[in-house]
Amino acid sequence: MEQVVLDGNSLSIEQVCAVARRGAKVSISPKTRQRVQRSREVIERAVAEGAAIYGVTTGIGEFARIRISPDQSAELQRRIVYSHSAGTGDPQPEDVVPLINEKAFLGTSGDLSPLAQFAEVAIGESACVGYWDIANSET
């Protein structure tokens, strides 16, 4: 079975296709896992210290000046993903994983909605097609 190791630097389109089309297993390199953990610790420390962090301890857009309690932060993150994943049109072809709408509603570059739709899958809130099911993958 093919294996794709995420290291934060070398992901290729061929590797994405190996996962999406051929069911390659995905793992995160130990060094990358450590970097992600350190990043998380920085944010958690800043939240514990009461720092204003856009979209983490504050609202977004017009609501950026409204503080969000640490207790509400996880819910805010989910709601940001939901609000940004609006799209329309038919789902992309089945070889596009996960289910992502053809047309986005948000983002001037056109990538915000598809990325949010992908994030919904990553947090277990949306569907995948084909071989890849991030909710059940070994990471």
C-alpha atoms as a PDB file:
ATOM      1  CA  MET A   1       0.000   0.000   0.000  1.00  0.00           C
ATOM      2  CA  GLU A   2       1.243   3.447  -0.893  1.00  0.00           C
ATOM      3  CA  GLN A   3       2.119   5.796   1.951  1.00  0.00           C
ATOM      4  CA  VAL A   4       2.101   9.610   1.869  1.00  0.00           C
ATOM      5  CA  VAL A   5       3.962  11.311   4.697  1.00  0.00           C
ATOM      6  CA  LEU A   6       3.004  14.917   5.334  1.00  0.00           C
ATOM      7  CA  ASP A   7       6.057  16.961   6.277  1.00  0.00           C
ATOM      8  CA  GLY A   8       4.801  20.475   5.557  1.00  0.00           C
ATOM      9  CA  ASN A   9       7.173  20.942   2.630  1.00  0.00           C
ATOM     10  CA  SER A  10       7.029  18.337  -0.085  1.00  0.00           C
ATOM     11  CA  LEU A  11       3.408  17.425  -0.875  1.00  0.00           C
ATOM     12  CA  SER A  12       3.013  16.903  -4.610  1.00  0.00           C
ATOM     13  CA  ILE A  13      -0.058  16.649  -6.815  1.00  0.00           C
ATOM     14  CA  GLU A  14       0.948  13.045  -7.493  1.00  0.00           C
ATOM     15  CA  GLN A  15       0.747  12.300  -3.771  1.00  0.00           C
ATOM     16  CA  VAL A  16      -2.657  13.988  -3.509  1.00  0.00           C
ATOM     17  CA  CYS A  17      -3.860  11.800  -6.379  1.00  0.00           C
ATOM     18  CA  ALA A  18      -2.395   8.699  -4.718  1.00  0.00           C
ATOM     19  CA  VAL A  19      -4.524   9.398  -1.645  1.00  0.00           C
ATOM     20  CA  ALA A  20      -7.671  10.532  -3.446  1.00  0.00           C
ATOM     21  CA  ARG A  21      -7.700   7.987  -6.249  1.00  0.00           C
ATOM     22  CA  ARG A  22      -5.754   4.976  -5.020  1.00  0.00           C
ATOM     23  CA  GLY A  23      -6.395   5.061  -1.274  1.00  0.00           C
ATOM     24  CA  ALA A  24      -2.809   5.685  -0.166  1.00  0.00           C
ATOM     25  CA  LYS A  25      -2.418   5.874   3.605  1.00  0.00           C
ATOM     26  CA  VAL A  26      -1.566   9.275   5.070  1.00  0.00           C
ATOM     27  CA  SER A  27       0.640   9.955   8.046  1.00  0.00           C
ATOM     28  CA  ILE A  28       2.268  13.007   9.576  1.00  0.00           C
ATOM     29  CA  SER A  29       6.018  13.019  10.079  1.00  0.00           C
ATOM     30  CA  PRO A  30       7.168  13.157  13.714  1.00  0.00           C
ATOM     31  CA  LYS A  31       8.948  16.480  13.106  1.00  0.00           C
ATOM     32  CA  THR A  32       5.805  17.990  11.587  1.00  0.00           C
ATOM     33  CA  ARG A  33       3.658  16.670  14.424  1.00  0.00           C
ATOM     34  CA  GLN A  34       6.041  18.372  16.877  1.00  0.00           C
ATOM     35  CA  ARG A  35       5.861  21.664  14.936  1.00  0.00           C
ATOM     36  CA  VAL A  36       2.064  21.540  14.931  1.00  0.00           C
ATOM     37  CA  GLN A  37       2.051  20.796  18.665  1.00  0.00           C
ATOM     38  CA  ARG A  38       4.390  23.735  19.353  1.00  0.00           C
ATOM     39  CA  SER A  39       2.159  26.030  17.285  1.00  0.00           C
ATOM     40  CA  ARG A  40      -0.872  24.855  19.210  1.00  0.00           C
ATOM     41  CA  GLU A  41       0.916  25.508  22.501  1.00  0.00           C
ATOM     42  CA  VAL A  42       1.714  29.079  21.414  1.00  0.00           C
ATOM     43  CA  ILE A  43      -1.957  29.754  20.666  1.00  0.00           C
ATOM     44  CA  GLU A  44      -3.176  28.036  23.844  1.00  0.00           C
ATOM     45  CA  ARG A  45      -0.715  30.042  25.931  1.00  0.00           C
ATOM     46  CA  ALA A  46      -1.803  33.316  24.300  1.00  0.00           C
ATOM     47  CA  VAL A  47      -5.466  32.440  24.888  1.00  0.00           C
ATOM     48  CA  ALA A  48      -4.741  31.592  28.545  1.00  0.00           C
ATOM     49  CA  GLU A  49      -2.980  34.957  28.917  1.00  0.00           C
ATOM     50  CA  GLY A  50      -6.025  36.773  27.528  1.00  0.00           C
ATOM     51  CA  ALA A  51      -4.434  37.956  24.271  1.00  0.00           C
ATOM     52  CA  ALA A  52      -6.699  39.227  21.507  1.00  0.00           C
ATOM     53  CA  ILE A  53      -6.227  36.849  18.566  1.00  0.00           C
ATOM     54  CA  TYR A  54      -8.284  37.511  15.444  1.00  0.00           C
ATOM     55  CA  GLY A  55     -10.776  34.710  14.872  1.00  0.00           C
ATOM     56  CA  VAL A  56      -9.697  32.861  18.012  1.00  0.00           C
ATOM     57  CA  THR A  57     -10.512  35.178  20.908  1.00  0.00           C
ATOM     58  CA  THR A  58     -12.244  37.820  18.770  1.00  0.00           C
ATOM     59  CA  GLY A  59     -14.935  37.685  16.182  1.00  0.00           C
ATOM     60  CA  ILE A  60     -14.100  38.176  12.512  1.00  0.00           C
ATOM     61  CA  GLY A  61     -14.905  40.935  10.037  1.00  0.00           C
ATOM     62  CA  GLU A  62     -17.226  43.508  11.580  1.00  0.00           C
ATOM     63  CA  PHE A  63     -17.097  41.577  14.835  1.00  0.00           C
ATOM     64  CA  ALA A  64     -13.305  41.656  15.196  1.00  0.00           C
ATOM     65  CA  ARG A  65     -13.594  43.973  18.210  1.00  0.00           C
ATOM     66  CA  ILE A  66     -15.868  41.590  20.080  1.00  0.00           C
ATOM     67  CA  ARG A  67     -13.993  39.351  22.498  1.00  0.00           C
ATOM     68  CA  ILE A  68     -14.787  35.646  22.613  1.00  0.00           C
ATOM     69  CA  SER A  69     -14.241  33.680  25.806  1.00  0.00           C
ATOM     70  CA  PRO A  70     -11.909  30.679  25.705  1.00  0.00           C
ATOM     71  CA  ASP A  71     -14.980  28.536  26.428  1.00  0.00           C
ATOM     72  CA  GLN A  72     -16.617  29.768  23.221  1.00  0.00           C
ATOM     73  CA  SER A  73     -13.517  29.590  21.022  1.00  0.00           C
ATOM     74  CA  ALA A  74     -14.012  26.037  19.700  1.00  0.00           C
ATOM     75  CA  GLU A  75     -17.606  26.839  18.768  1.00  0.00           C
ATOM     76  CA  LEU A  76     -16.423  30.021  17.018  1.00  0.00           C
ATOM     77  CA  GLN A  77     -13.964  27.998  14.942  1.00  0.00           C
ATOM     78  CA  ARG A  78     -16.729  25.630  13.830  1.00  0.00           C
ATOM     79  CA  ARG A  79     -19.028  28.519  12.972  1.00  0.00           C
ATOM     80  CA  ILE A  80     -16.327  30.245  10.932  1.00  0.00           C
ATOM     81  CA  VAL A  81     -15.898  27.059   8.889  1.00  0.00           C
ATOM     82  CA  TYR A  82     -19.671  26.715   8.433  1.00  0.00           C
ATOM     83  CA  SER A  83     -20.160  30.336   7.409  1.00  0.00           C
ATOM     84  CA  HIS A  84     -17.334  30.229   4.885  1.00  0.00           C
ATOM     85  CA  SER A  85     -18.284  26.928   3.263  1.00  0.00           C
ATOM     86  CA  ALA A  86     -21.301  28.267   1.388  1.00  0.00           C
ATOM     87  CA  GLY A  87     -21.331  27.200  -2.237  1.00  0.00           C
ATOM     88  CA  THR A  88     -23.677  26.351  -5.049  1.00  0.00           C
ATOM     89  CA  GLY A  89     -23.839  24.213  -8.135  1.00  0.00           C
ATOM     90  CA  ASP A  90     -23.223  20.562  -8.609  1.00  0.00           C
ATOM     91  CA  PRO A  91     -20.590  18.809  -6.546  1.00  0.00           C
ATOM     92  CA  GLN A  92     -17.236  18.504  -8.277  1.00  0.00           C
ATOM     93  CA  PRO A  93     -16.635  15.194 -10.073  1.00  0.00           C
ATOM     94  CA  GLU A  94     -16.227  12.202  -7.774  1.00  0.00           C
ATOM     95  CA  ASP A  95     -12.495  12.138  -8.269  1.00  0.00           C
ATOM     96  CA  VAL A  96     -12.412  15.446  -6.375  1.00  0.00           C
ATOM     97  CA  VAL A  97     -12.335  14.578  -2.713  1.00  0.00           C
ATOM     98  CA  PRO A  98     -14.124  15.722  -0.544  1.00  0.00           C
ATOM     99  CA  LEU A  99     -17.497  16.882  -1.863  1.00  0.00           C
ATOM    100  CA  ILE A 100     -16.893  20.492  -2.907  1.00  0.00           C
ATOM    101  CA  ASN A 101     -19.367  22.693  -4.766  1.00  0.00           C
ATOM    102  CA  GLU A 102     -18.514  24.095  -8.192  1.00  0.00           C
ATOM    103  CA  LYS A 103     -19.131  27.729  -7.275  1.00  0.00           C
ATOM    104  CA  ALA A 104     -18.054  29.509  -4.125  1.00  0.00           C
ATOM    105  CA  PHE A 105     -19.825  32.404  -2.430  1.00  0.00           C
ATOM    106  CA  LEU A 106     -16.921  33.823  -0.421  1.00  0.00           C
ATOM    107  CA  GLY A 107     -13.393  34.891  -1.112  1.00  0.00           C
ATOM    108  CA  THR A 108     -12.122  37.101  -3.867  1.00  0.00           C
ATOM    109  CA  SER A 109      -9.671  34.450  -5.014  1.00  0.00           C
ATOM    110  CA  GLY A 110     -12.358  31.783  -5.103  1.00  0.00           C
ATOM    111  CA  ASP A 111     -10.581  29.398  -2.739  1.00  0.00           C
ATOM    112  CA  LEU A 112     -12.121  30.316   0.622  1.00  0.00           C
ATOM    113  CA  SER A 113     -15.350  28.332   0.238  1.00  0.00           C
ATOM    114  CA  PRO A 114     -13.703  25.176  -1.146  1.00  0.00           C
ATOM    115  CA  LEU A 115     -11.115  25.265   1.637  1.00  0.00           C
ATOM    116  CA  ALA A 116     -13.866  25.686   4.230  1.00  0.00           C
ATOM    117  CA  GLN A 117     -15.764  22.779   2.670  1.00  0.00           C
ATOM    118  CA  PHE A 118     -12.605  20.711   2.997  1.00  0.00           C
ATOM    119  CA  ALA A 119     -12.253  21.854   6.623  1.00  0.00           C
ATOM    120  CA  GLU A 120     -15.775  20.586   7.318  1.00  0.00           C
ATOM    121  CA  VAL A 121     -14.577  17.110   6.394  1.00  0.00           C
ATOM    122  CA  ALA A 122     -11.462  17.504   8.549  1.00  0.00           C
ATOM    123  CA  ILE A 123     -13.622  18.240  11.611  1.00  0.00           C
ATOM    124  CA  GLY A 124     -16.067  15.431  10.803  1.00  0.00           C
ATOM    125  CA  GLU A 125     -18.929  17.654   9.670  1.00  0.00           C
ATOM    126  CA  SER A 126     -19.208  16.777   5.965  1.00  0.00           C
ATOM    127  CA  ALA A 127     -18.956  13.933   3.492  1.00  0.00           C
ATOM    128  CA  CYS A 128     -16.120  12.417   1.500  1.00  0.00           C
ATOM    129  CA  VAL A 129     -16.342  10.402  -1.649  1.00  0.00           C
ATOM    130  CA  GLY A 130     -14.053   7.815  -3.108  1.00  0.00           C
ATOM    131  CA  TYR A 131     -11.336   6.144  -1.065  1.00  0.00           C
ATOM    132  CA  TRP A 132     -10.403   8.897   1.329  1.00  0.00           C
ATOM    133  CA  ASP A 133     -12.232   9.309   4.606  1.00  0.00           C
ATOM    134  CA  ILE A 134     -10.219  11.682   6.806  1.00  0.00           C
ATOM    135  CA  ALA A 135     -12.373  10.909   9.832  1.00  0.00           C
ATOM    136  CA  ASN A 136     -11.196   7.303   9.702  1.00  0.00           C
ATOM    137  CA  SER A 137      -7.644   7.736   8.433  1.00  0.00           C
ATOM    138  CA  GLU A 138      -4.628   6.928  10.555  1.00  0.00           C
ATOM    139  CA  THR A 139      -2.668  10.102  11.282  1.00  0.00           C
END
